[in-house]
Amino acid sequence: MDNEWLCLRVLAAYGLPTARADIAKFGSQRVLVVEQEERFRRQVHLLLGRMGVEVETVADPLEGLALCTGTTYDLIVLEIKPMNMRGFEAFCKFRLAEPNARVCLSTGFCYDPNHTVVLAKSNGLVETLFKPFRIDQITKAMTAPTPP
């Protein structure tokens, strides 16, 4: 993200036409990422950290729910197949624990045999993020309206 912005600035300095690009800053937003795979937790932590976001990551949804009791989050990224519970069950528990948070589901594949995404969409799902995470997906999720 920073490299692309810098490259655009250098090209513009040489008088070449470039697209307008800014580095998004999200100030005091807090994000909880519930993801089993450490590499994806690390990736989203780095992406959001560069934008000034306070990020907490956990592997287990039960641990994430425990964090929700003492903290308020603006965005929760929950993998579609979390450990220790079914995806839609976990989604509903996070929506109850953080009713004002945007809750997104993340997946590394497109097949959803339990129809978690379909069920979650009718219950306040903000976005479905695909792994590996892309900055445009995360930015869209962070700027989406909060669910009713």
Protein backbone atom coordinates (compact mmCIF):
# COMPACT_ATOMS: atom_id res chain seq x y z
CA MET A 1 0.00 0.00 0.00
CA ASP A 2 2.70 2.52 0.97
CA ASN A 3 4.89 1.44 -1.96
CA GLU A 4 2.15 2.00 -4.52
CA TRP A 5 1.44 5.46 -3.13
CA LEU A 6 5.12 6.38 -3.21
CA CYS A 7 5.56 5.07 -6.78
CA LEU A 8 2.61 7.18 -7.92
CA ARG A 9 4.15 10.24 -6.29
CA VAL A 10 7.50 9.64 -8.02
CA LEU A 11 5.85 9.18 -11.42
CA ALA A 12 3.82 12.35 -10.93
CA ALA A 13 6.98 14.26 -10.00
CA TYR A 14 8.38 13.31 -13.44
CA GLY A 15 5.27 14.73 -15.08
CA LEU A 16 3.71 11.39 -15.97
CA PRO A 17 -0.07 11.04 -15.65
CA THR A 18 -1.10 9.05 -12.57
CA ALA A 19 -4.25 8.18 -10.71
CA ARG A 20 -4.98 10.11 -7.53
CA ALA A 21 -4.26 7.97 -4.50
CA ASP A 22 -4.35 8.61 -0.77
CA ILE A 23 -3.43 6.42 2.17
CA ALA A 24 -6.58 5.89 4.18
CA LYS A 25 -6.46 6.66 7.90
CA PHE A 26 -9.13 5.37 10.22
CA GLY A 27 -8.03 7.04 13.42
CA SER A 28 -9.38 5.50 16.57
CA GLN A 29 -11.27 2.55 15.06
CA ARG A 30 -10.88 -0.79 16.79
CA VAL A 31 -10.97 -4.10 14.93
CA LEU A 32 -11.17 -7.67 16.19
CA VAL A 33 -10.01 -10.43 13.83
CA VAL A 34 -11.04 -14.02 14.61
CA GLU A 35 -8.99 -16.26 12.34
CA GLN A 36 -7.42 -19.70 12.91
CA GLU A 37 -4.46 -19.21 10.59
CA GLU A 38 -1.71 -17.06 12.03
CA ARG A 39 -0.51 -15.83 8.63
CA PHE A 40 -3.91 -14.27 7.90
CA ARG A 41 -4.12 -12.76 11.39
CA ARG A 42 -0.69 -11.25 10.86
CA GLN A 43 -1.57 -9.99 7.38
CA VAL A 44 -4.71 -8.12 8.42
CA HIS A 45 -2.94 -6.79 11.51
CA LEU A 46 -0.20 -5.29 9.32
CA LEU A 47 -2.65 -3.84 6.78
CA LEU A 48 -4.85 -2.19 9.38
CA GLY A 49 -1.97 -1.13 11.60
CA ARG A 50 -0.58 0.97 8.73
CA MET A 51 -3.89 2.84 8.65
CA GLY A 52 -3.72 3.73 12.34
CA VAL A 53 -6.28 1.13 13.42
CA GLU A 54 -6.05 -0.63 16.76
CA VAL A 55 -6.23 -4.36 15.96
CA GLU A 56 -6.64 -7.41 18.17
CA THR A 57 -6.39 -10.89 16.72
CA VAL A 58 -7.41 -14.25 18.15
CA ALA A 59 -7.66 -17.77 16.77
CA ASP A 60 -10.64 -18.93 18.82
CA PRO A 61 -14.10 -17.29 18.67
CA LEU A 62 -14.64 -18.03 22.36
CA GLU A 63 -11.59 -15.92 23.15
CA GLY A 64 -12.91 -13.20 20.83
CA LEU A 65 -16.28 -13.19 22.56
CA ALA A 66 -14.53 -12.86 25.91
CA LEU A 67 -12.69 -9.78 24.58
CA CYS A 68 -16.03 -8.24 23.57
CA THR A 69 -17.18 -8.13 27.19
CA GLY A 70 -14.69 -5.42 28.11
CA THR A 71 -14.07 -3.66 24.80
CA THR A 72 -16.07 -2.07 22.00
CA TYR A 73 -15.12 -2.85 18.40
CA ASP A 74 -16.01 -1.00 15.21
CA LEU A 75 -15.35 -4.00 12.96
CA ILE A 76 -15.19 -7.73 13.60
CA VAL A 77 -13.70 -10.01 10.95
CA LEU A 78 -14.80 -13.58 11.61
CA GLU A 79 -13.78 -16.54 9.52
CA ILE A 80 -16.65 -18.50 8.04
CA LYS A 81 -15.55 -21.79 9.65
CA PRO A 82 -14.25 -20.86 13.11
CA MET A 83 -12.98 -23.45 15.55
CA ASN A 84 -15.24 -24.64 18.38
CA MET A 85 -18.55 -23.54 16.81
CA ARG A 86 -20.44 -23.25 13.53
CA GLY A 87 -20.01 -20.12 11.43
CA PHE A 88 -23.55 -18.76 11.66
CA GLU A 89 -23.69 -19.48 15.39
CA ALA A 90 -20.45 -17.54 15.90
CA PHE A 91 -21.73 -14.70 13.69
CA CYS A 92 -24.91 -14.39 15.78
CA LYS A 93 -22.98 -14.44 19.05
CA PHE A 94 -20.70 -11.62 17.87
CA ARG A 95 -23.69 -9.59 16.63
CA LEU A 96 -25.26 -9.94 20.10
CA ALA A 97 -22.01 -9.14 21.90
CA GLU A 98 -21.28 -6.10 19.70
CA PRO A 99 -24.60 -4.87 18.24
CA ASN A 100 -23.06 -1.63 16.90
CA ALA A 101 -20.08 -3.28 15.22
CA ARG A 102 -19.80 -4.14 11.56
CA VAL A 103 -19.35 -7.93 11.36
CA CYS A 104 -17.73 -9.45 8.27
CA LEU A 105 -17.18 -13.07 7.39
CA SER A 106 -13.91 -14.15 5.78
CA THR A 107 -13.24 -17.15 3.61
CA GLY A 108 -10.49 -18.59 1.47
CA PHE A 109 -12.91 -20.45 -0.78
CA CYS A 110 -16.26 -19.86 -2.42
CA TYR A 111 -18.19 -23.01 -1.43
CA ASP A 112 -20.38 -22.52 1.65
CA PRO A 113 -22.12 -25.85 2.41
CA ASN A 114 -23.82 -24.54 5.57
CA HIS A 115 -25.12 -21.40 3.81
CA THR A 116 -23.51 -19.26 6.49
CA VAL A 117 -23.22 -16.22 4.22
CA VAL A 118 -26.85 -16.43 3.08
CA LEU A 119 -28.09 -16.72 6.66
CA ALA A 120 -25.78 -13.96 7.90
CA LYS A 121 -26.82 -11.54 5.13
CA SER A 122 -30.35 -11.48 6.45
CA ASN A 123 -29.00 -10.86 9.97
CA GLY A 124 -26.71 -7.85 9.45
CA LEU A 125 -23.66 -9.18 7.60
CA VAL A 126 -21.70 -6.19 6.33
CA GLU A 127 -19.28 -7.83 3.90
CA THR A 128 -17.67 -11.12 2.90
CA LEU A 129 -13.88 -10.82 2.73
CA PHE A 130 -11.80 -13.23 0.69
CA LYS A 131 -8.35 -14.42 1.72
CA PRO A 132 -5.71 -13.33 1.24
CA PHE A 133 -7.11 -10.03 2.48
CA ARG A 134 -6.98 -7.05 0.16
CA ILE A 135 -6.85 -3.48 1.35
CA ASP A 136 -9.82 -2.42 -0.80
CA GLN A 137 -12.03 -5.11 0.78
CA ILE A 138 -11.04 -4.09 4.29
CA THR A 139 -11.51 -0.40 3.55
CA LYS A 140 -14.97 -1.09 2.13
CA ALA A 141 -15.90 -3.03 5.27
CA MET A 142 -14.59 -0.30 7.57
CA THR A 143 -16.53 2.43 5.79
CA ALA A 144 -19.77 0.48 5.43
CA PRO A 145 -22.75 1.73 7.42
CA THR A 146 -23.28 0.06 10.74
CA PRO A 147 -26.03 -2.55 10.64
CA PRO A 148 -29.49 -1.83 12.06
